[in-house]
PDB file of N, CA and C in Angstrom:
ATOM      1  N   MET A   1    -144.535 -61.096 -13.015  1.00  0.00           N
ATOM      2  CA  MET A   1    -144.068 -62.437 -12.732  1.00  0.00           C
ATOM      3  C   MET A   1    -142.647 -62.576 -13.268  1.00  0.00           C
ATOM      4  N   TYR A   2    -141.907 -63.424 -12.627  1.00  0.00           N
ATOM      5  CA  TYR A   2    -140.518 -63.648 -13.005  1.00  0.00           C
ATOM      6  C   TYR A   2    -140.306 -65.123 -13.325  1.00  0.00           C
ATOM      7  N   PHE A   3    -139.340 -65.384 -14.188  1.00  0.00           N
ATOM      8  CA  PHE A   3    -139.003 -66.753 -14.545  1.00  0.00           C
ATOM      9  C   PHE A   3    -138.102 -67.346 -13.463  1.00  0.00           C
ATOM     10  N   ALA A   4    -138.420 -68.557 -13.050  1.00  0.00           N
ATOM     11  CA  ALA A   4    -137.607 -69.284 -12.078  1.00  0.00           C
ATOM     12  C   ALA A   4    -137.285 -70.658 -12.667  1.00  0.00           C
ATOM     13  N   ALA A   5    -136.003 -70.942 -12.841  1.00  0.00           N
ATOM     14  CA  ALA A   5    -135.582 -72.242 -13.381  1.00  0.00           C
ATOM     15  C   ALA A   5    -135.870 -73.336 -12.361  1.00  0.00           C
ATOM     16  N   ARG A   6    -136.107 -74.551 -12.862  1.00  0.00           N
ATOM     17  CA  ARG A   6    -136.336 -75.705 -11.984  1.00  0.00           C
ATOM     18  C   ARG A   6    -135.273 -76.740 -12.290  1.00  0.00           C
ATOM     19  N   LYS A   7    -134.566 -77.134 -11.276  1.00  0.00           N
ATOM     20  CA  LYS A   7    -133.540 -78.165 -11.450  1.00  0.00           C
ATOM     21  C   LYS A   7    -134.205 -79.474 -11.852  1.00  0.00           C
ATOM     22  N   SER A   8    -133.573 -80.186 -12.734  1.00  0.00           N
ATOM     23  CA  SER A   8    -133.998 -81.494 -13.243  1.00  0.00           C
ATOM     24  C   SER A   8    -135.341 -81.462 -13.979  1.00  0.00           C
ATOM     25  N   HIS A   9    -135.754 -80.286 -14.451  1.00  0.00           N
ATOM     26  CA  HIS A   9    -136.969 -80.168 -15.259  1.00  0.00           C
ATOM     27  C   HIS A   9    -136.630 -79.393 -16.527  1.00  0.00           C
ATOM     28  N   PRO A  10    -137.231 -79.763 -17.654  1.00  0.00           N
ATOM     29  CA  PRO A  10    -136.945 -79.039 -18.897  1.00  0.00           C
ATOM     30  C   PRO A  10    -137.633 -77.671 -18.947  1.00  0.00           C
ATOM     31  N   HIS A  11    -138.507 -77.398 -18.013  1.00  0.00           N
ATOM     32  CA  HIS A  11    -139.230 -76.128 -17.978  1.00  0.00           C
ATOM     33  C   HIS A  11    -138.982 -75.439 -16.642  1.00  0.00           C
ATOM     34  N   GLY A  12    -139.332 -74.198 -16.589  1.00  0.00           N
ATOM     35  CA  GLY A  12    -139.269 -73.442 -15.343  1.00  0.00           C
ATOM     36  C   GLY A  12    -140.673 -73.020 -14.950  1.00  0.00           C
ATOM     37  N   ASP A  13    -140.750 -72.033 -14.099  1.00  0.00           N
ATOM     38  CA  ASP A  13    -142.035 -71.493 -13.672  1.00  0.00           C
ATOM     39  C   ASP A  13    -141.991 -69.980 -13.758  1.00  0.00           C
ATOM     40  N   TYR A  14    -143.140 -69.383 -13.994  1.00  0.00           N
ATOM     41  CA  TYR A  14    -143.294 -67.949 -13.813  1.00  0.00           C
ATOM     42  C   TYR A  14    -143.993 -67.778 -12.470  1.00  0.00           C
ATOM     43  N   VAL A  15    -143.414 -66.978 -11.602  1.00  0.00           N
ATOM     44  CA  VAL A  15    -143.933 -66.838 -10.237  1.00  0.00           C
ATOM     45  C   VAL A  15    -144.016 -65.364  -9.846  1.00  0.00           C
ATOM     46  N   CYS A  16    -144.938 -65.081  -8.953  1.00  0.00           N
ATOM     47  CA  CYS A  16    -145.066 -63.748  -8.374  1.00  0.00           C
ATOM     48  C   CYS A  16    -143.905 -63.553  -7.406  1.00  0.00           C
ATOM     49  N   ARG A  17    -143.221 -62.437  -7.534  1.00  0.00           N
ATOM     50  CA  ARG A  17    -142.073 -62.168  -6.660  1.00  0.00           C
ATOM     51  C   ARG A  17    -142.238 -60.846  -5.928  1.00  0.00           C
ATOM     52  N   ALA A  18    -143.467 -60.527  -5.572  1.00  0.00           N
ATOM     53  CA  ALA A  18    -143.715 -59.268  -4.868  1.00  0.00           C
ATOM     54  C   ALA A  18    -142.921 -59.202  -3.568  1.00  0.00           C
ATOM     55  N   THR A  19    -142.783 -60.314  -2.881  1.00  0.00           N
ATOM     56  CA  THR A  19    -142.060 -60.309  -1.608  1.00  0.00           C
ATOM     57  C   THR A  19    -140.590 -59.945  -1.794  1.00  0.00           C
ATOM     58  N   ALA A  20    -140.017 -60.252  -2.960  1.00  0.00           N
ATOM     59  CA  ALA A  20    -138.625 -59.897  -3.233  1.00  0.00           C
ATOM     60  C   ALA A  20    -138.455 -58.378  -3.330  1.00  0.00           C
ATOM     61  N   ARG A  21    -139.550 -57.692  -3.657  1.00  0.00           N
ATOM     62  CA  ARG A  21    -139.510 -56.232  -3.738  1.00  0.00           C
ATOM     63  C   ARG A  21    -140.012 -55.590  -2.448  1.00  0.00           C
ATOM     64  N   GLY A  22    -140.273 -56.404  -1.435  1.00  0.00           N
ATOM     65  CA  GLY A  22    -140.772 -55.894  -0.166  1.00  0.00           C
ATOM     66  C   GLY A  22    -142.245 -55.552  -0.187  1.00  0.00           C
ATOM     67  N   GLU A  23    -142.977 -56.111  -1.139  1.00  0.00           N
ATOM     68  CA  GLU A  23    -144.407 -55.858  -1.265  1.00  0.00           C
ATOM     69  C   GLU A  23    -145.192 -57.098  -0.876  1.00  0.00           C
ATOM     70  N   VAL A  24    -146.463 -56.922  -0.612  1.00  0.00           N
ATOM     71  CA  VAL A  24    -147.340 -58.037  -0.307  1.00  0.00           C
ATOM     72  C   VAL A  24    -148.346 -58.176  -1.446  1.00  0.00           C
ATOM     73  N   CYS A  25    -148.368 -59.328  -2.069  1.00  0.00           N
ATOM     74  CA  CYS A  25    -149.317 -59.599  -3.150  1.00  0.00           C
ATOM     75  C   CYS A  25    -150.547 -60.270  -2.527  1.00  0.00           C
ATOM     76  N   PRO A  26    -151.749 -59.746  -2.776  1.00  0.00           N
ATOM     77  CA  PRO A  26    -152.942 -60.349  -2.192  1.00  0.00           C
ATOM     78  C   PRO A  26    -153.305 -61.706  -2.797  1.00  0.00           C
ATOM     79  N   ALA A  27    -152.794 -62.005  -3.982  1.00  0.00           N
ATOM     80  CA  ALA A  27    -153.119 -63.278  -4.640  1.00  0.00           C
ATOM     81  C   ALA A  27    -151.909 -63.767  -5.438  1.00  0.00           C
ATOM     82  N   PRO A  28    -150.831 -64.193  -4.759  1.00  0.00           N
ATOM     83  CA  PRO A  28    -149.648 -64.650  -5.495  1.00  0.00           C
ATOM     84  C   PRO A  28    -149.985 -65.853  -6.375  1.00  0.00           C
ATOM     85  N   ALA A  29    -149.432 -65.850  -7.571  1.00  0.00           N
ATOM     86  CA  ALA A  29    -149.733 -66.909  -8.530  1.00  0.00           C
ATOM     87  C   ALA A  29    -148.441 -67.414  -9.150  1.00  0.00           C
ATOM     88  N   ALA A  30    -148.510 -68.602  -9.722  1.00  0.00           N
ATOM     89  CA  ALA A  30    -147.385 -69.202 -10.432  1.00  0.00           C
ATOM     90  C   ALA A  30    -147.942 -70.131 -11.499  1.00  0.00           C
ATOM     91  N   MET A  31    -147.145 -70.354 -12.560  1.00  0.00           N
ATOM     92  CA  MET A  31    -147.549 -71.278 -13.613  1.00  0.00           C
ATOM     93  C   MET A  31    -146.311 -71.777 -14.344  1.00  0.00           C
ATOM     94  N   ARG A  32    -146.385 -73.010 -14.810  1.00  0.00           N
ATOM     95  CA  ARG A  32    -145.276 -73.568 -15.594  1.00  0.00           C
ATOM     96  C   ARG A  32    -144.985 -72.700 -16.800  1.00  0.00           C
ATOM     97  N   SER A  33    -143.714 -72.477 -17.063  1.00  0.00           N
ATOM     98  CA  SER A  33    -143.313 -71.586 -18.150  1.00  0.00           C
ATOM     99  C   SER A  33    -143.738 -72.108 -19.516  1.00  0.00           C
ATOM    100  N   ASP A  34    -143.593 -73.404 -19.770  1.00  0.00           N
ATOM    101  CA  ASP A  34    -143.943 -73.919 -21.089  1.00  0.00           C
ATOM    102  C   ASP A  34    -145.437 -73.774 -21.366  1.00  0.00           C
ATOM    103  N   TRP A  35    -146.269 -73.957 -20.359  1.00  0.00           N
ATOM    104  CA  TRP A  35    -147.706 -73.797 -20.535  1.00  0.00           C
ATOM    105  C   TRP A  35    -148.068 -72.339 -20.803  1.00  0.00           C
ATOM    106  N   LEU A  36    -147.506 -71.436 -20.021  1.00  0.00           N
ATOM    107  CA  LEU A  36    -147.828 -70.022 -20.168  1.00  0.00           C
ATOM    108  C   LEU A  36    -147.323 -69.470 -21.503  1.00  0.00           C
ATOM    109  N   GLU A  37    -146.147 -69.885 -21.915  1.00  0.00           N
ATOM    110  CA  GLU A  37    -145.599 -69.423 -23.190  1.00  0.00           C
ATOM    111  C   GLU A  37    -146.429 -69.938 -24.369  1.00  0.00           C
ATOM    112  N   ALA A  38    -146.828 -71.202 -24.349  1.00  0.00           N
ATOM    113  CA  ALA A  38    -147.652 -71.767 -25.424  1.00  0.00           C
ATOM    114  C   ALA A  38    -149.017 -71.072 -25.486  1.00  0.00           C
ATOM    115  N   TYR A  39    -149.626 -70.847 -24.327  1.00  0.00           N
ATOM    116  CA  TYR A  39    -150.913 -70.139 -24.267  1.00  0.00           C
ATOM    117  C   TYR A  39    -150.785 -68.749 -24.890  1.00  0.00           C
ATOM    118  N   THR A  40    -149.732 -68.028 -24.524  1.00  0.00           N
ATOM    119  CA  THR A  40    -149.531 -66.661 -25.004  1.00  0.00           C
ATOM    120  C   THR A  40    -149.354 -66.628 -26.516  1.00  0.00           C
ATOM    121  N   VAL A  41    -148.551 -67.519 -27.057  1.00  0.00           N
ATOM    122  CA  VAL A  41    -148.326 -67.569 -28.503  1.00  0.00           C
ATOM    123  C   VAL A  41    -149.616 -67.946 -29.228  1.00  0.00           C
ATOM    124  N   ASP A  42    -150.361 -68.917 -28.715  1.00  0.00           N
ATOM    125  CA  ASP A  42    -151.624 -69.320 -29.344  1.00  0.00           C
ATOM    126  C   ASP A  42    -152.616 -68.165 -29.379  1.00  0.00           C
ATOM    127  N   ARG A  43    -152.753 -67.453 -28.265  1.00  0.00           N
ATOM    128  CA  ARG A  43    -153.685 -66.320 -28.204  1.00  0.00           C
ATOM    129  C   ARG A  43    -153.240 -65.184 -29.114  1.00  0.00           C
ATOM    130  N   TYR A  44    -151.932 -64.949 -29.184  1.00  0.00           N
ATOM    131  CA  TYR A  44    -151.418 -63.893 -30.059  1.00  0.00           C
ATOM    132  C   TYR A  44    -151.742 -64.212 -31.520  1.00  0.00           C
ATOM    133  N   ARG A  45    -151.509 -65.452 -31.901  1.00  0.00           N
ATOM    134  CA  ARG A  45    -151.801 -65.852 -33.284  1.00  0.00           C
ATOM    135  C   ARG A  45    -153.288 -65.749 -33.593  1.00  0.00           C
ATOM    136  N   ALA A  46    -154.123 -66.108 -32.633  1.00  0.00           N
ATOM    137  CA  ALA A  46    -155.572 -66.008 -32.842  1.00  0.00           C
ATOM    138  C   ALA A  46    -156.020 -64.559 -32.970  1.00  0.00           C
ATOM    139  N   ALA A  47    -155.405 -63.658 -32.217  1.00  0.00           N
ATOM    140  CA  ALA A  47    -155.798 -62.244 -32.234  1.00  0.00           C
ATOM    141  C   ALA A  47    -155.284 -61.505 -33.450  1.00  0.00           C
ATOM    142  N   THR A  48    -154.154 -61.941 -34.003  1.00  0.00           N
ATOM    143  CA  THR A  48    -153.512 -61.179 -35.074  1.00  0.00           C
ATOM    144  C   THR A  48    -153.447 -61.908 -36.407  1.00  0.00           C
ATOM    145  N   ALA A  49    -153.806 -63.182 -36.441  1.00  0.00           N
ATOM    146  CA  ALA A  49    -153.674 -64.017 -37.642  1.00  0.00           C
ATOM    147  C   ALA A  49    -152.220 -64.077 -38.102  1.00  0.00           C
ATOM    148  N   TRP A  50    -151.292 -64.057 -37.170  1.00  0.00           N
ATOM    149  CA  TRP A  50    -149.847 -64.094 -37.423  1.00  0.00           C
ATOM    150  C   TRP A  50    -149.426 -65.539 -37.615  1.00  0.00           C
ATOM    151  N   ASP A  51    -148.790 -65.844 -38.765  1.00  0.00           N
ATOM    152  CA  ASP A  51    -148.375 -67.215 -39.050  1.00  0.00           C
ATOM    153  C   ASP A  51    -146.884 -67.440 -38.869  1.00  0.00           C
ATOM    154  N   ALA A  52    -146.101 -66.373 -38.837  1.00  0.00           N
ATOM    155  CA  ALA A  52    -144.641 -66.496 -38.707  1.00  0.00           C
ATOM    156  C   ALA A  52    -144.278 -66.775 -37.252  1.00  0.00           C
ATOM    157  N   ALA A  53    -142.994 -66.943 -37.022  1.00  0.00           N
ATOM    158  CA  ALA A  53    -142.507 -67.199 -35.664  1.00  0.00           C
ATOM    159  C   ALA A  53    -142.870 -66.036 -34.743  1.00  0.00           C
ATOM    160  N   VAL A  54    -143.212 -66.368 -33.510  1.00  0.00           N
ATOM    161  CA  VAL A  54    -143.550 -65.362 -32.504  1.00  0.00           C
ATOM    162  C   VAL A  54    -142.414 -65.323 -31.494  1.00  0.00           C
ATOM    163  N   SER A  55    -141.744 -64.188 -31.427  1.00  0.00           N
ATOM    164  CA  SER A  55    -140.614 -64.036 -30.505  1.00  0.00           C
ATOM    165  C   SER A  55    -141.036 -63.229 -29.280  1.00  0.00           C
ATOM    166  N   ARG A  56    -140.224 -63.305 -28.257  1.00  0.00           N
ATOM    167  CA  ARG A  56    -140.443 -62.506 -27.049  1.00  0.00           C
ATOM    168  C   ARG A  56    -140.468 -61.019 -27.407  1.00  0.00           C
ATOM    169  N   GLU A  57    -139.567 -60.613 -28.292  1.00  0.00           N
ATOM    170  CA  GLU A  57    -139.491 -59.213 -28.697  1.00  0.00           C
ATOM    171  C   GLU A  57    -140.792 -58.772 -29.378  1.00  0.00           C
ATOM    172  N   LEU A  58    -141.355 -59.619 -30.233  1.00  0.00           N
ATOM    173  CA  LEU A  58    -142.605 -59.294 -30.912  1.00  0.00           C
ATOM    174  C   LEU A  58    -143.738 -59.124 -29.900  1.00  0.00           C
ATOM    175  N   LEU A  59    -143.796 -60.012 -28.922  1.00  0.00           N
ATOM    176  CA  LEU A  59    -144.834 -59.915 -27.894  1.00  0.00           C
ATOM    177  C   LEU A  59    -144.680 -58.633 -27.081  1.00  0.00           C
ATOM    178  N   LEU A  60    -143.451 -58.280 -26.742  1.00  0.00           N
ATOM    179  CA  LEU A  60    -143.212 -57.050 -25.982  1.00  0.00           C
ATOM    180  C   LEU A  60    -143.574 -55.815 -26.809  1.00  0.00           C
ATOM    181  N   GLU A  61    -143.171 -55.809 -28.077  1.00  0.00           N
ATOM    182  CA  GLU A  61    -143.499 -54.685 -28.964  1.00  0.00           C
ATOM    183  C   GLU A  61    -145.007 -54.547 -29.153  1.00  0.00           C
ATOM    184  N   SER A  62    -145.726 -55.642 -29.118  1.00  0.00           N
ATOM    185  CA  SER A  62    -147.180 -55.646 -29.300  1.00  0.00           C
ATOM    186  C   SER A  62    -147.918 -55.356 -28.000  1.00  0.00           C
ATOM    187  N   ASP A  63    -147.168 -55.143 -26.947  1.00  0.00           N
ATOM    188  CA  ASP A  63    -147.729 -54.836 -25.628  1.00  0.00           C
ATOM    189  C   ASP A  63    -148.681 -55.936 -25.147  1.00  0.00           C
ATOM    190  N   VAL A  64    -148.255 -57.180 -25.317  1.00  0.00           N
ATOM    191  CA  VAL A  64    -149.041 -58.326 -24.870  1.00  0.00           C
ATOM    192  C   VAL A  64    -148.906 -58.472 -23.361  1.00  0.00           C
ATOM    193  N   ARG A  65    -150.022 -58.705 -22.696  1.00  0.00           N
ATOM    194  CA  ARG A  65    -150.038 -58.949 -21.261  1.00  0.00           C
ATOM    195  C   ARG A  65    -150.901 -60.175 -20.989  1.00  0.00           C
ATOM    196  N   VAL A  66    -150.431 -61.028 -20.092  1.00  0.00           N
ATOM    197  CA  VAL A  66    -151.224 -62.169 -19.648  1.00  0.00           C
ATOM    198  C   VAL A  66    -151.287 -62.089 -18.133  1.00  0.00           C
ATOM    199  N   ILE A  67    -152.496 -62.033 -17.607  1.00  0.00           N
ATOM    200  CA  ILE A  67    -152.696 -62.012 -16.167  1.00  0.00           C
ATOM    201  C   ILE A  67    -152.977 -63.435 -15.723  1.00  0.00           C
ATOM    202  N   VAL A  68    -152.265 -63.849 -14.677  1.00  0.00           N
ATOM    203  CA  VAL A  68    -152.441 -65.187 -14.116  1.00  0.00           C
ATOM    204  C   VAL A  68    -153.068 -65.023 -12.746  1.00  0.00           C
ATOM    205  N   ALA A  69    -154.300 -65.505 -12.596  1.00  0.00           N
ATOM    206  CA  ALA A  69    -154.983 -65.441 -11.317  1.00  0.00           C
ATOM    207  C   ALA A  69    -154.502 -66.580 -10.425  1.00  0.00           C
ATOM    208  N   LYS A  70    -154.625 -66.381  -9.142  1.00  0.00           N
ATOM    209  CA  LYS A  70    -154.207 -67.399  -8.186  1.00  0.00           C
ATOM    210  C   LYS A  70    -155.025 -68.669  -8.392  1.00  0.00           C
ATOM    211  N   GLY A  71    -154.342 -69.808  -8.353  1.00  0.00           N
ATOM    212  CA  GLY A  71    -155.003 -71.095  -8.525  1.00  0.00           C
ATOM    213  C   GLY A  71    -155.335 -71.736  -7.197  1.00  0.00           C
ATOM    214  N   ARG A  72    -155.860 -72.917  -7.263  1.00  0.00           N
ATOM    215  CA  ARG A  72    -156.206 -73.647  -6.045  1.00  0.00           C
ATOM    216  C   ARG A  72    -155.006 -74.441  -5.550  1.00  0.00           C
ATOM    217  N   CYS A  73    -155.009 -74.745  -4.294  1.00  0.00           N
ATOM    218  CA  CYS A  73    -153.937 -75.542  -3.701  1.00  0.00           C
ATOM    219  C   CYS A  73    -154.200 -77.019  -3.962  1.00  0.00           C
ATOM    220  N   GLY A  74    -153.156 -77.790  -3.870  1.00  0.00           N
ATOM    221  CA  GLY A  74    -153.292 -79.231  -4.011  1.00  0.00           C
ATOM    222  C   GLY A  74    -152.723 -79.729  -5.316  1.00  0.00           C
ATOM    223  N   GLY A  75    -152.590 -81.021  -5.418  1.00  0.00           N
ATOM    224  CA  GLY A  75    -152.019 -81.623  -6.611  1.00  0.00           C
ATOM    225  C   GLY A  75    -152.982 -82.602  -7.229  1.00  0.00           C
ATOM    226  N   GLY A  76    -152.423 -83.556  -7.930  1.00  0.00           N
ATOM    227  CA  GLY A  76    -153.248 -84.572  -8.548  1.00  0.00           C
ATOM    228  C   GLY A  76    -153.015 -84.634 -10.040  1.00  0.00           C
ATOM    229  N   PRO A  77    -153.478 -85.710 -10.678  1.00  0.00           N
ATOM    230  CA  PRO A  77    -153.244 -85.915 -12.097  1.00  0.00           C
ATOM    231  C   PRO A  77    -153.863 -84.842 -12.985  1.00  0.00           C
ATOM    232  N   ALA A  78    -154.981 -84.260 -12.582  1.00  0.00           N
ATOM    233  CA  ALA A  78    -155.633 -83.239 -13.405  1.00  0.00           C
ATOM    234  C   ALA A  78    -154.734 -82.015 -13.574  1.00  0.00           C
ATOM    235  N   ARG A  79    -153.917 -81.716 -12.587  1.00  0.00           N
ATOM    236  CA  ARG A  79    -153.051 -80.542 -12.665  1.00  0.00           C
ATOM    237  C   ARG A  79    -151.873 -80.755 -13.599  1.00  0.00           C
ATOM    238  N   LEU A  80    -151.573 -82.000 -13.947  1.00  0.00           N
ATOM    239  CA  LEU A  80    -150.465 -82.286 -14.846  1.00  0.00           C
ATOM    240  C   LEU A  80    -150.886 -82.295 -16.316  1.00  0.00           C
ATOM    241  N   ALA A  81    -152.193 -82.192 -16.570  1.00  0.00           N
ATOM    242  CA  ALA A  81    -152.716 -82.278 -17.931  1.00  0.00           C
ATOM    243  C   ALA A  81    -152.459 -81.016 -18.746  1.00  0.00           C
ATOM    244  N   GLY A  82    -152.278 -79.903 -18.115  1.00  0.00           N
ATOM    245  CA  GLY A  82    -152.079 -78.644 -18.823  1.00  0.00           C
ATOM    246  C   GLY A  82    -152.563 -77.488 -17.982  1.00  0.00           C
ATOM    247  N   PRO A  83    -152.454 -76.285 -18.508  1.00  0.00           N
ATOM    248  CA  PRO A  83    -152.810 -75.114 -17.712  1.00  0.00           C
ATOM    249  C   PRO A  83    -154.311 -74.973 -17.521  1.00  0.00           C
ATOM    250  N   ASP A  84    -154.679 -74.398 -16.405  1.00  0.00           N
ATOM    251  CA  ASP A  84    -156.068 -74.044 -16.145  1.00  0.00           C
ATOM    252  C   ASP A  84    -156.283 -72.684 -16.793  1.00  0.00           C
ATOM    253  N   THR A  85    -156.769 -72.671 -18.031  1.00  0.00           N
ATOM    254  CA  THR A  85    -156.875 -71.427 -18.784  1.00  0.00           C
ATOM    255  C   THR A  85    -157.944 -70.490 -18.219  1.00  0.00           C
ATOM    256  N   SER A  86    -158.795 -70.984 -17.333  1.00  0.00           N
ATOM    257  CA  SER A  86    -159.771 -70.091 -16.703  1.00  0.00           C
ATOM    258  C   SER A  86    -159.067 -69.088 -15.791  1.00  0.00           C
ATOM    259  N   ARG A  87    -157.818 -69.365 -15.430  1.00  0.00           N
ATOM    260  CA  ARG A  87    -157.029 -68.460 -14.587  1.00  0.00           C
ATOM    261  C   ARG A  87    -156.305 -67.394 -15.402  1.00  0.00           C
ATOM    262  N   LEU A  88    -156.367 -67.472 -16.728  1.00  0.00           N
ATOM    263  CA  LEU A  88    -155.556 -66.613 -17.587  1.00  0.00           C
ATOM    264  C   LEU A  88    -156.401 -65.583 -18.335  1.00  0.00           C
ATOM    265  N   THR A  89    -155.881 -64.373 -18.431  1.00  0.00           N
ATOM    266  CA  THR A  89    -156.507 -63.316 -19.222  1.00  0.00           C
ATOM    267  C   THR A  89    -155.445 -62.730 -20.141  1.00  0.00           C
ATOM    268  N   PHE A  90    -155.699 -62.761 -21.440  1.00  0.00           N
ATOM    269  CA  PHE A  90    -154.771 -62.272 -22.459  1.00  0.00           C
ATOM    270  C   PHE A  90    -155.237 -60.902 -22.935  1.00  0.00           C
ATOM    271  N   THR A  91    -154.314 -59.957 -22.999  1.00  0.00           N
ATOM    272  CA  THR A  91    -154.627 -58.622 -23.500  1.00  0.00           C
ATOM    273  C   THR A  91    -153.556 -58.215 -24.497  1.00  0.00           C
ATOM    274  N   LEU A  92    -154.004 -57.712 -25.632  1.00  0.00           N
ATOM    275  CA  LEU A  92    -153.113 -57.205 -26.668  1.00  0.00           C
ATOM    276  C   LEU A  92    -153.180 -55.692 -26.616  1.00  0.00           C
ATOM    277  N   GLY A  93    -152.030 -55.036 -26.629  1.00  0.00           N
ATOM    278  CA  GLY A  93    -151.944 -53.595 -26.441  1.00  0.00           C
ATOM    279  C   GLY A  93    -152.676 -52.772 -27.475  1.00  0.00           C
ATOM    280  N   GLU A  94    -152.842 -51.503 -27.132  1.00  0.00           N
ATOM    281  CA  GLU A  94    -153.581 -50.580 -27.976  1.00  0.00           C
ATOM    282  C   GLU A  94    -152.927 -50.315 -29.315  1.00  0.00           C
ATOM    283  N   ARG A  95    -151.612 -50.524 -29.399  1.00  0.00           N
ATOM    284  CA  ARG A  95    -150.925 -50.240 -30.661  1.00  0.00           C
ATOM    285  C   ARG A  95    -151.449 -51.105 -31.796  1.00  0.00           C
ATOM    286  N   LEU A  96    -151.922 -52.291 -31.480  1.00  0.00           N
ATOM    287  CA  LEU A  96    -152.474 -53.177 -32.516  1.00  0.00           C
ATOM    288  C   LEU A  96    -153.986 -53.280 -32.416  1.00  0.00           C
ATOM    289  N   GLY A  97    -154.599 -52.420 -31.621  1.00  0.00           N
ATOM    290  CA  GLY A  97    -156.036 -52.475 -31.425  1.00  0.00           C
ATOM    291  C   GLY A  97    -156.349 -53.249 -30.164  1.00  0.00           C
ATOM    292  N   ALA A  98    -157.288 -52.784 -29.419  1.00  0.00           N
ATOM    293  CA  ALA A  98    -157.628 -53.434 -28.146  1.00  0.00           C
ATOM    294  C   ALA A  98    -158.207 -54.818 -28.409  1.00  0.00           C
ATOM    295  N   TYR A  99    -157.697 -55.783 -27.701  1.00  0.00           N
ATOM    296  CA  TYR A  99    -158.185 -57.157 -27.816  1.00  0.00           C
ATOM    297  C   TYR A  99    -158.006 -57.818 -26.458  1.00  0.00           C
ATOM    298  N   GLN A 100    -159.031 -58.459 -25.988  1.00  0.00           N
ATOM    299  CA  GLN A 100    -158.931 -59.186 -24.731  1.00  0.00           C
ATOM    300  C   GLN A 100    -159.683 -60.495 -24.873  1.00  0.00           C
ATOM    301  N   ALA A 101    -159.044 -61.563 -24.428  1.00  0.00           N
ATOM    302  CA  ALA A 101    -159.680 -62.876 -24.459  1.00  0.00           C
ATOM    303  C   ALA A 101    -159.475 -63.530 -23.108  1.00  0.00           C
ATOM    304  N   ASP A 102    -160.493 -64.145 -22.609  1.00  0.00           N
ATOM    305  CA  ASP A 102    -160.400 -64.874 -21.331  1.00  0.00           C
ATOM    306  C   ASP A 102    -160.279 -66.345 -21.600  1.00  0.00           C
TER     307      ASP A 102
END
């Protein structure tokens, strides 16, 4: 997924960009950047008991991966409340021990 800025919004989105590489994604997904980043930091802290600041570099070094499954179409107030965490799978790399949380 790639970060895409949104004009007139304080946050951006992470979106599937397979088509930009000439590929076809069977389940393209997207999620607000602030929601996905907060989810990732929360899960990392829960998995590692890390209390200090969590940087992008730390997450990359720890081989953190978050899979975002395709969501449902449509809008509404429920979608503005926060991320649908049932669509997210967090995995912490083998260097720190295998850990996966859904």
